[in-house]
C-alpha atoms as a PDB file:
ATOM      1  CA  MET A   1       7.045  25.817 -25.639  1.00  0.00           C
ATOM      2  CA  VAL A   2       8.496  22.601 -27.041  1.00  0.00           C
ATOM      3  CA  THR A   3       6.023  19.813 -27.673  1.00  0.00           C
ATOM      4  CA  GLY A   4       7.155  16.639 -25.927  1.00  0.00           C
ATOM      5  CA  GLN A   5       8.570  18.436 -22.888  1.00  0.00           C
ATOM      6  CA  LEU A   6       5.463  19.996 -21.459  1.00  0.00           C
ATOM      7  CA  PHE A   7       3.272  17.240 -22.913  1.00  0.00           C
ATOM      8  CA  LEU A   8       3.481  13.623 -21.782  1.00  0.00           C
ATOM      9  CA  MET A   9       1.599  10.911 -23.691  1.00  0.00           C
ATOM     10  CA  LEU A  10      -0.384   8.272 -21.803  1.00  0.00           C
ATOM     11  CA  ASN A  11      -1.403   4.776 -22.845  1.00  0.00           C
ATOM     12  CA  ASN A  12      -4.462   4.176 -20.663  1.00  0.00           C
ATOM     13  CA  ASN A  13      -7.444   6.227 -19.609  1.00  0.00           C
ATOM     14  CA  GLU A  14      -9.037   6.554 -16.209  1.00  0.00           C
ATOM     15  CA  ILE A  15     -11.902   8.260 -14.453  1.00  0.00           C
ATOM     16  CA  ILE A  16     -11.193  11.751 -13.142  1.00  0.00           C
ATOM     17  CA  HIS A  17     -10.207  11.718  -9.459  1.00  0.00           C
ATOM     18  CA  ASN A  18     -10.731  14.437  -6.866  1.00  0.00           C
ATOM     19  CA  ASN A  19      -7.309  15.934  -7.507  1.00  0.00           C
ATOM     20  CA  ASP A  20      -7.318  15.847 -11.334  1.00  0.00           C
ATOM     21  CA  LEU A  21      -8.028  18.574 -13.884  1.00  0.00           C
ATOM     22  CA  SER A  22      -8.774  17.597 -17.476  1.00  0.00           C
ATOM     23  CA  ILE A  23      -9.002  20.303 -20.156  1.00  0.00           C
ATOM     24  CA  HIS A  24     -10.941  19.159 -23.216  1.00  0.00           C
ATOM     25  CA  ILE A  25     -10.306  21.179 -26.378  1.00  0.00           C
ATOM     26  CA  PHE A  26     -13.125  21.608 -28.900  1.00  0.00           C
ATOM     27  CA  VAL A  27     -13.382  23.785 -32.006  1.00  0.00           C
ATOM     28  CA  ASN A  28     -15.779  26.136 -30.209  1.00  0.00           C
ATOM     29  CA  GLY A  29     -14.057  26.276 -26.817  1.00  0.00           C
ATOM     30  CA  PHE A  30     -12.581  24.468 -23.825  1.00  0.00           C
ATOM     31  CA  SER A  31     -14.296  22.294 -21.212  1.00  0.00           C
ATOM     32  CA  PHE A  32     -12.595  22.237 -17.796  1.00  0.00           C
ATOM     33  CA  CYS A  33     -13.432  18.972 -16.045  1.00  0.00           C
ATOM     34  CA  THR A  34     -12.877  18.076 -12.399  1.00  0.00           C
ATOM     35  CA  LYS A  35     -14.536  15.475 -10.201  1.00  0.00           C
ATOM     36  CA  SER A  36     -17.006  18.013  -8.841  1.00  0.00           C
ATOM     37  CA  LYS A  37     -17.785  20.297 -11.795  1.00  0.00           C
ATOM     38  CA  VAL A  38     -17.531  20.945 -15.519  1.00  0.00           C
ATOM     39  CA  ASP A  39     -17.063  24.481 -16.852  1.00  0.00           C
ATOM     40  CA  PHE A  40     -16.991  25.680 -20.460  1.00  0.00           C
ATOM     41  CA  LEU A  41     -15.080  28.629 -21.892  1.00  0.00           C
ATOM     42  CA  PRO A  42     -16.373  29.434 -25.402  1.00  0.00           C
ATOM     43  CA  ARG A  43     -13.931  30.562 -28.040  1.00  0.00           C
ATOM     44  CA  ASN A  44     -15.670  32.964 -30.382  1.00  0.00           C
ATOM     45  CA  HIS A  45     -12.918  35.460 -31.196  1.00  0.00           C
ATOM     46  CA  GLU A  46      -9.279  35.710 -32.303  1.00  0.00           C
ATOM     47  CA  ILE A  47      -6.516  34.003 -30.347  1.00  0.00           C
ATOM     48  CA  LEU A  48      -4.996  37.274 -29.094  1.00  0.00           C
ATOM     49  CA  ASP A  49      -8.351  38.205 -27.570  1.00  0.00           C
ATOM     50  CA  PHE A  50      -9.072  34.692 -26.318  1.00  0.00           C
ATOM     51  CA  LYS A  51      -5.753  33.956 -24.599  1.00  0.00           C
ATOM     52  CA  PRO A  52      -6.135  36.472 -21.712  1.00  0.00           C
ATOM     53  CA  ALA A  53      -9.585  35.028 -20.998  1.00  0.00           C
ATOM     54  CA  PHE A  54      -8.124  31.508 -21.011  1.00  0.00           C
ATOM     55  CA  ASP A  55      -5.272  32.500 -18.679  1.00  0.00           C
ATOM     56  CA  GLU A  56      -7.690  34.148 -16.277  1.00  0.00           C
ATOM     57  CA  PHE A  57      -9.988  31.152 -16.373  1.00  0.00           C
ATOM     58  CA  ILE A  58      -7.319  28.520 -15.795  1.00  0.00           C
ATOM     59  CA  ASN A  59      -5.725  30.552 -13.001  1.00  0.00           C
ATOM     60  CA  TYR A  60      -9.018  30.146 -11.145  1.00  0.00           C
ATOM     61  CA  TYR A  61      -8.059  26.518 -10.526  1.00  0.00           C
ATOM     62  CA  PRO A  62      -5.547  25.839  -7.690  1.00  0.00           C
ATOM     63  CA  LYS A  63      -3.176  23.880  -9.915  1.00  0.00           C
ATOM     64  CA  LYS A  64      -0.685  23.189  -7.130  1.00  0.00           C
ATOM     65  CA  ASN A  65      -3.385  21.060  -5.509  1.00  0.00           C
ATOM     66  CA  PHE A  66      -3.868  18.855  -8.569  1.00  0.00           C
ATOM     67  CA  ARG A  67      -2.161  15.501  -8.848  1.00  0.00           C
ATOM     68  CA  ALA A  68      -2.042  15.927 -12.622  1.00  0.00           C
ATOM     69  CA  ILE A  69      -3.547  17.894 -15.501  1.00  0.00           C
ATOM     70  CA  SER A  70      -4.471  16.384 -18.863  1.00  0.00           C
ATOM     71  CA  ILE A  71      -5.260  17.814 -22.282  1.00  0.00           C
ATOM     72  CA  VAL A  72      -7.793  15.907 -24.393  1.00  0.00           C
ATOM     73  CA  HIS A  73      -8.051  16.900 -28.074  1.00  0.00           C
ATOM     74  CA  PHE A  74     -11.475  16.830 -29.752  1.00  0.00           C
ATOM     75  CA  SER A  75     -11.062  19.490 -32.418  1.00  0.00           C
ATOM     76  CA  HIS A  76      -9.364  17.478 -35.202  1.00  0.00           C
ATOM     77  CA  PRO A  77      -9.717  13.937 -36.573  1.00  0.00           C
ATOM     78  CA  SER A  78      -7.286  11.113 -35.936  1.00  0.00           C
ATOM     79  CA  THR A  79      -6.362   7.858 -37.621  1.00  0.00           C
ATOM     80  CA  PHE A  80      -5.254   4.494 -36.234  1.00  0.00           C
ATOM     81  CA  VAL A  81      -2.155   2.731 -37.554  1.00  0.00           C
ATOM     82  CA  PRO A  82      -0.953  -0.757 -36.509  1.00  0.00           C
ATOM     83  CA  GLN A  83       2.024  -0.265 -34.231  1.00  0.00           C
ATOM     84  CA  THR A  84       4.169  -2.696 -36.260  1.00  0.00           C
ATOM     85  CA  LEU A  85       3.661  -0.605 -39.407  1.00  0.00           C
ATOM     86  CA  TYR A  86       3.934   2.843 -37.894  1.00  0.00           C
ATOM     87  CA  ASP A  87       6.683   5.157 -39.149  1.00  0.00           C
ATOM     88  CA  ILE A  88       6.957   8.352 -37.111  1.00  0.00           C
ATOM     89  CA  SER A  89       8.427  10.223 -40.087  1.00  0.00           C
ATOM     90  CA  HIS A  90       5.169   9.714 -42.021  1.00  0.00           C
ATOM     91  CA  LYS A  91       2.754  11.233 -39.505  1.00  0.00           C
ATOM     92  CA  GLU A  92       1.616  13.896 -41.967  1.00  0.00           C
ATOM     93  CA  LYS A  93       0.935  11.312 -44.688  1.00  0.00           C
ATOM     94  CA  TYR A  94      -1.263   9.173 -42.453  1.00  0.00           C
ATOM     95  CA  LEU A  95      -3.516  12.143 -41.758  1.00  0.00           C
ATOM     96  CA  SER A  96      -3.568  13.513 -45.306  1.00  0.00           C
ATOM     97  CA  HIS A  97      -6.254  10.968 -46.237  1.00  0.00           C
ATOM     98  CA  TYR A  98      -8.626  12.480 -43.667  1.00  0.00           C
ATOM     99  CA  LYS A  99      -7.879  16.204 -43.591  1.00  0.00           C
ATOM    100  CA  SER A 100      -5.960  18.972 -45.314  1.00  0.00           C
ATOM    101  CA  ASN A 101      -2.751  19.506 -43.411  1.00  0.00           C
ATOM    102  CA  SER A 102      -1.518  22.996 -42.660  1.00  0.00           C
ATOM    103  CA  GLN A 103       2.061  24.187 -42.254  1.00  0.00           C
ATOM    104  CA  ASP A 104       1.053  25.419 -38.812  1.00  0.00           C
ATOM    105  CA  ASP A 105      -0.226  22.017 -37.682  1.00  0.00           C
ATOM    106  CA  ILE A 106       1.541  20.196 -34.867  1.00  0.00           C
ATOM    107  CA  PHE A 107       1.552  16.416 -35.392  1.00  0.00           C
ATOM    108  CA  ILE A 108       1.540  14.001 -32.504  1.00  0.00           C
ATOM    109  CA  HIS A 109       0.538  10.419 -31.690  1.00  0.00           C
ATOM    110  CA  ASP A 110      -0.712   8.232 -28.847  1.00  0.00           C
ATOM    111  CA  ILE A 111       0.677   4.733 -28.420  1.00  0.00           C
ATOM    112  CA  LEU A 112      -2.075   2.294 -27.415  1.00  0.00           C
ATOM    113  CA  LYS A 113      -0.046  -0.615 -26.087  1.00  0.00           C
ATOM    114  CA  GLU A 114      -2.898  -2.947 -25.200  1.00  0.00           C
ATOM    115  CA  SER A 115      -4.377  -2.888 -28.710  1.00  0.00           C
ATOM    116  CA  LYS A 116      -0.963  -2.473 -30.401  1.00  0.00           C
ATOM    117  CA  LYS A 117      -2.060   0.607 -32.319  1.00  0.00           C
ATOM    118  CA  VAL A 118      -0.851   4.156 -32.780  1.00  0.00           C
ATOM    119  CA  ASN A 119      -3.374   6.981 -33.014  1.00  0.00           C
ATOM    120  CA  VAL A 120      -2.072   9.887 -35.117  1.00  0.00           C
ATOM    121  CA  TYR A 121      -3.553  13.385 -34.946  1.00  0.00           C
ATOM    122  CA  SER A 122      -2.714  17.060 -35.186  1.00  0.00           C
ATOM    123  CA  TYR A 123      -3.760  20.387 -33.766  1.00  0.00           C
ATOM    124  CA  PRO A 124      -3.099  23.975 -34.873  1.00  0.00           C
ATOM    125  CA  LYS A 125      -0.140  25.946 -33.595  1.00  0.00           C
ATOM    126  CA  GLU A 126      -2.514  28.430 -31.966  1.00  0.00           C
ATOM    127  CA  ILE A 127      -3.546  25.805 -29.400  1.00  0.00           C
ATOM    128  CA  GLU A 128       0.071  25.565 -28.327  1.00  0.00           C
ATOM    129  CA  LEU A 129       0.218  29.366 -28.050  1.00  0.00           C
ATOM    130  CA  ILE A 130      -2.835  29.371 -25.808  1.00  0.00           C
ATOM    131  CA  LEU A 131      -1.305  26.811 -23.458  1.00  0.00           C
ATOM    132  CA  GLU A 132       2.351  27.818 -23.473  1.00  0.00           C
ATOM    133  CA  THR A 133       2.309  30.376 -20.641  1.00  0.00           C
ATOM    134  CA  ASN A 134       0.893  27.820 -18.244  1.00  0.00           C
ATOM    135  CA  LYS A 135       3.990  26.167 -16.764  1.00  0.00           C
ATOM    136  CA  ASN A 136       2.374  22.887 -15.771  1.00  0.00           C
ATOM    137  CA  ASN A 137       3.284  19.449 -17.060  1.00  0.00           C
ATOM    138  CA  TYR A 138       0.330  18.238 -19.100  1.00  0.00           C
ATOM    139  CA  GLN A 139      -0.561  14.725 -20.127  1.00  0.00           C
ATOM    140  CA  GLU A 140      -1.920  14.784 -23.664  1.00  0.00           C
ATOM    141  CA  ILE A 141      -4.231  12.437 -25.580  1.00  0.00           C
ATOM    142  CA  HIS A 142      -6.811  12.375 -28.386  1.00  0.00           C
ATOM    143  CA  TYR A 143     -10.394  11.534 -27.471  1.00  0.00           C
ATOM    144  CA  ASN A 144     -10.450   8.674 -29.997  1.00  0.00           C
ATOM    145  CA  SER A 145      -7.661   7.065 -27.995  1.00  0.00           C
ATOM    146  CA  LEU A 146      -9.809   7.291 -24.872  1.00  0.00           C
ATOM    147  CA  LEU A 147     -12.733   5.707 -26.706  1.00  0.00           C
ATOM    148  CA  TYR A 148     -10.723   2.930 -28.295  1.00  0.00           C
ATOM    149  CA  ASN A 149      -9.011   1.999 -25.035  1.00  0.00           C
ATOM    150  CA  LEU A 150     -12.451   1.566 -23.468  1.00  0.00           C
ATOM    151  CA  ILE A 151     -13.810  -0.324 -26.467  1.00  0.00           C
ATOM    152  CA  HIS A 152     -10.834  -2.675 -26.672  1.00  0.00           C
ATOM    153  CA  LYS A 153     -11.121  -3.642 -23.001  1.00  0.00           C
ATOM    154  CA  HIS A 154     -14.888  -4.137 -23.273  1.00  0.00           C
ATOM    155  CA  ASN A 155     -14.580  -6.182 -26.439  1.00  0.00           C
ATOM    156  CA  LEU A 156     -12.089  -8.590 -24.874  1.00  0.00           C
ATOM    157  CA  ARG A 157     -14.655  -9.392 -22.170  1.00  0.00           C
ATOM    158  CA  SER A 158     -17.539  -9.843 -24.584  1.00  0.00           C
ATOM    159  CA  GLU A 159     -18.843 -13.095 -26.036  1.00  0.00           C
ATOM    160  CA  ASN A 160     -20.186 -11.337 -29.143  1.00  0.00           C
ATOM    161  CA  LYS A 161     -17.945 -11.638 -32.189  1.00  0.00           C
ATOM    162  CA  THR A 162     -19.247  -8.515 -33.934  1.00  0.00           C
ATOM    163  CA  GLN A 163     -19.936  -5.249 -32.156  1.00  0.00           C
ATOM    164  CA  LEU A 164     -20.856  -1.786 -33.397  1.00  0.00           C
ATOM    165  CA  TYR A 165     -19.867   0.858 -30.839  1.00  0.00           C
ATOM    166  CA  VAL A 166     -21.481   4.284 -31.090  1.00  0.00           C
ATOM    167  CA  HIS A 167     -20.422   7.403 -29.198  1.00  0.00           C
ATOM    168  CA  LEU A 168     -22.780  10.362 -29.437  1.00  0.00           C
ATOM    169  CA  GLN A 169     -21.686  13.974 -29.200  1.00  0.00           C
ATOM    170  CA  LYS A 170     -23.938  17.012 -29.483  1.00  0.00           C
ATOM    171  CA  GLU A 171     -23.254  17.470 -33.199  1.00  0.00           C
ATOM    172  CA  LYS A 172     -21.272  14.361 -34.095  1.00  0.00           C
ATOM    173  CA  VAL A 173     -21.329  10.572 -33.878  1.00  0.00           C
ATOM    174  CA  ASP A 174     -18.257   8.317 -33.614  1.00  0.00           C
ATOM    175  CA  VAL A 175     -18.588   4.769 -34.946  1.00  0.00           C
ATOM    176  CA  PHE A 176     -16.297   1.788 -34.273  1.00  0.00           C
ATOM    177  CA  LEU A 177     -16.923  -1.628 -35.832  1.00  0.00           C
ATOM    178  CA  ILE A 178     -15.141  -4.552 -34.140  1.00  0.00           C
ATOM    179  CA  LYS A 179     -15.164  -8.138 -35.407  1.00  0.00           C
ATOM    180  CA  ASN A 180     -13.223 -10.979 -33.810  1.00  0.00           C
ATOM    181  CA  GLU A 181     -11.288  -8.413 -31.741  1.00  0.00           C
ATOM    182  CA  ARG A 182     -10.202  -6.536 -34.891  1.00  0.00           C
ATOM    183  CA  LEU A 183     -11.034  -2.920 -35.666  1.00  0.00           C
ATOM    184  CA  LEU A 184     -12.691  -3.001 -39.085  1.00  0.00           C
ATOM    185  CA  PHE A 185     -13.959   0.557 -39.257  1.00  0.00           C
ATOM    186  CA  ASN A 186     -13.760   3.854 -37.409  1.00  0.00           C
ATOM    187  CA  ASN A 187     -15.052   7.244 -38.474  1.00  0.00           C
ATOM    188  CA  SER A 188     -16.874  10.319 -37.220  1.00  0.00           C
ATOM    189  CA  PHE A 189     -19.871  11.982 -38.866  1.00  0.00           C
ATOM    190  CA  LEU A 190     -21.453  15.380 -38.329  1.00  0.00           C
ATOM    191  CA  ILE A 191     -25.137  15.061 -37.453  1.00  0.00           C
ATOM    192  CA  LYS A 192     -27.986  17.486 -36.795  1.00  0.00           C
ATOM    193  CA  ASN A 193     -30.799  15.106 -35.883  1.00  0.00           C
ATOM    194  CA  GLU A 194     -31.912  11.489 -35.595  1.00  0.00           C
ATOM    195  CA  ASP A 195     -32.314  11.115 -39.381  1.00  0.00           C
ATOM    196  CA  ASP A 196     -28.683  12.064 -39.991  1.00  0.00           C
ATOM    197  CA  PHE A 197     -27.622   9.696 -37.247  1.00  0.00           C
ATOM    198  CA  LEU A 198     -29.558   6.735 -38.643  1.00  0.00           C
ATOM    199  CA  TYR A 199     -28.322   7.432 -42.173  1.00  0.00           C
ATOM    200  CA  TYR A 200     -24.638   7.197 -41.256  1.00  0.00           C
ATOM    201  CA  VAL A 201     -24.960   4.309 -38.822  1.00  0.00           C
ATOM    202  CA  PHE A 202     -26.977   2.167 -41.199  1.00  0.00           C
ATOM    203  CA  PHE A 203     -24.679   3.129 -44.060  1.00  0.00           C
ATOM    204  CA  VAL A 204     -21.886   1.394 -42.108  1.00  0.00           C
ATOM    205  CA  ILE A 205     -24.143  -1.577 -41.391  1.00  0.00           C
ATOM    206  CA  GLU A 206     -24.968  -1.953 -45.097  1.00  0.00           C
ATOM    207  CA  GLN A 207     -21.386  -1.486 -46.293  1.00  0.00           C
ATOM    208  CA  PHE A 208     -20.188  -4.325 -44.080  1.00  0.00           C
ATOM    209  CA  GLU A 209     -23.266  -6.452 -44.786  1.00  0.00           C
ATOM    210  CA  LEU A 210     -24.129  -6.904 -41.132  1.00  0.00           C
ATOM    211  CA  GLU A 211     -27.244  -9.002 -40.697  1.00  0.00           C
ATOM    212  CA  THR A 212     -29.998  -7.586 -38.508  1.00  0.00           C
ATOM    213  CA  ASN A 213     -29.520  -8.467 -34.842  1.00  0.00           C
ATOM    214  CA  ALA A 214     -26.509 -10.654 -35.694  1.00  0.00           C
ATOM    215  CA  PHE A 215     -24.273  -8.031 -34.116  1.00  0.00           C
ATOM    216  CA  GLU A 216     -24.382  -6.124 -30.851  1.00  0.00           C
ATOM    217  CA  PHE A 217     -25.145  -2.413 -31.052  1.00  0.00           C
ATOM    218  CA  ILE A 218     -23.419  -0.721 -28.109  1.00  0.00           C
ATOM    219  CA  PHE A 219     -23.908   2.909 -27.103  1.00  0.00           C
ATOM    220  CA  LEU A 220     -21.062   4.406 -25.070  1.00  0.00           C
ATOM    221  CA  GLY A 221     -22.917   5.850 -22.101  1.00  0.00           C
ATOM    222  CA  LYS A 222     -26.630   6.296 -21.541  1.00  0.00           C
ATOM    223  CA  ILE A 223     -27.423   9.998 -21.408  1.00  0.00           C
ATOM    224  CA  THR A 224     -30.864  11.589 -21.281  1.00  0.00           C
ATOM    225  CA  LEU A 225     -29.845  14.150 -23.904  1.00  0.00           C
ATOM    226  CA  PHE A 226     -29.686  11.358 -26.496  1.00  0.00           C
ATOM    227  CA  ASP A 227     -32.823   9.402 -25.545  1.00  0.00           C
ATOM    228  CA  SER A 228     -34.432  10.101 -28.928  1.00  0.00           C
ATOM    229  CA  TYR A 229     -31.435   8.539 -30.703  1.00  0.00           C
ATOM    230  CA  TYR A 230     -31.657   5.383 -28.593  1.00  0.00           C
ATOM    231  CA  LYS A 231     -35.361   5.075 -29.379  1.00  0.00           C
ATOM    232  CA  ALA A 232     -34.719   5.619 -33.099  1.00  0.00           C
ATOM    233  CA  VAL A 233     -32.319   2.669 -33.262  1.00  0.00           C
ATOM    234  CA  LYS A 234     -34.646   0.381 -31.294  1.00  0.00           C
ATOM    235  CA  ILE A 235     -37.199   0.631 -34.104  1.00  0.00           C
ATOM    236  CA  TYR A 236     -34.777  -1.213 -36.411  1.00  0.00           C
ATOM    237  CA  HIS A 237     -32.479  -3.174 -34.116  1.00  0.00           C
ATOM    238  CA  GLU A 238     -33.179  -5.213 -30.965  1.00  0.00           C
ATOM    239  CA  ASN A 239     -29.698  -6.269 -29.821  1.00  0.00           C
ATOM    240  CA  ILE A 240     -28.790  -2.986 -28.088  1.00  0.00           C
ATOM    241  CA  SER A 241     -26.799  -2.423 -24.916  1.00  0.00           C
ATOM    242  CA  PHE A 242     -25.122   0.453 -23.097  1.00  0.00           C
ATOM    243  CA  TYR A 243     -21.543   0.696 -21.897  1.00  0.00           C
ATOM    244  CA  GLU A 244     -21.486   2.382 -18.488  1.00  0.00           C
ATOM    245  CA  GLU A 245     -24.965   3.593 -17.623  1.00  0.00           C
ATOM    246  CA  GLU A 246     -23.560   6.092 -15.154  1.00  0.00           C
ATOM    247  CA  ILE A 247     -25.418   9.256 -14.287  1.00  0.00           C
ATOM    248  CA  ILE A 248     -23.954  12.218 -16.162  1.00  0.00           C
ATOM    249  CA  SER A 249     -24.613  15.506 -14.378  1.00  0.00           C
ATOM    250  CA  SER A 250     -26.765  18.189 -15.982  1.00  0.00           C
ATOM    251  CA  GLN A 251     -23.757  20.498 -15.660  1.00  0.00           C
ATOM    252  CA  ALA A 252     -21.628  18.146 -17.751  1.00  0.00           C
ATOM    253  CA  ILE A 253     -24.383  17.789 -20.352  1.00  0.00           C
ATOM    254  CA  GLN A 254     -24.639  21.562 -20.616  1.00  0.00           C
ATOM    255  CA  ASN A 255     -20.915  22.385 -20.601  1.00  0.00           C
ATOM    256  CA  HIS A 256     -19.392  19.519 -22.593  1.00  0.00           C
ATOM    257  CA  ASN A 257     -19.894  18.617 -26.266  1.00  0.00           C
ATOM    258  CA  ALA A 258     -19.267  14.921 -25.541  1.00  0.00           C
ATOM    259  CA  PRO A 259     -20.863  14.370 -22.102  1.00  0.00           C
ATOM    260  CA  PHE A 260     -19.860  10.702 -21.829  1.00  0.00           C
ATOM    261  CA  LEU A 261     -16.166  11.681 -21.866  1.00  0.00           C
ATOM    262  CA  SER A 262     -16.544  14.553 -19.417  1.00  0.00           C
ATOM    263  CA  GLN A 263     -15.637  12.082 -16.652  1.00  0.00           C
ATOM    264  CA  TYR A 264     -12.413  10.821 -18.274  1.00  0.00           C
ATOM    265  CA  PHE A 265      -8.952  12.107 -17.565  1.00  0.00           C
ATOM    266  CA  SER A 266      -6.364  10.479 -19.792  1.00  0.00           C
END
């Protein structure tokens, strides 16, 4: 398989429609998301053993009935680069500040036209090997691109000059700090509980000297699984809101590591 032929990069994200399939790739497995259900195929063995299970699983879906199929990458970090400064020949260098690059890594980027940024990321060659026998045309994107597209649109409509956006996953938190429509900070932190969560979030608040309640604290989604985290923040900060308080199904919460994004396609 040749990257760039089977994979098409998108600039905007949208909610999954009835005839869409979105495959979300995590370190521990794959979530298969459609409008009506979310399934999870764990990956707990070598690629040669996993691939037949993946092929059997994906063949369950009537792909000829889908309008489109997307791949969303969650397994590796990404970094944003201003579009005017981006040099495609330096993709590996941009990421070297965040992770150790491997010779087997495949480097790719998403162009975010509305915010004039490029999101650079990579994934291991073995992911390509898993997908290569499936002869569909995939649309490909990193989950941070999905998040930032949403955040950028929301920020443009907001009257608040400073906003701290927080996206909770089951074992990770993603933090975006926006001031005067500029992205000042973005990073992801591994967390095990509410104490870890508060430590990293308030570390960002302290580093940027944000005054209490002088900025808006925005959670992406409102999901029952994370109620204890919402309550923990409310003890210290009053100016809290939620972006999209849609009901996330119990199936999505169970079978997706980042339930808020289980409904997004590309």
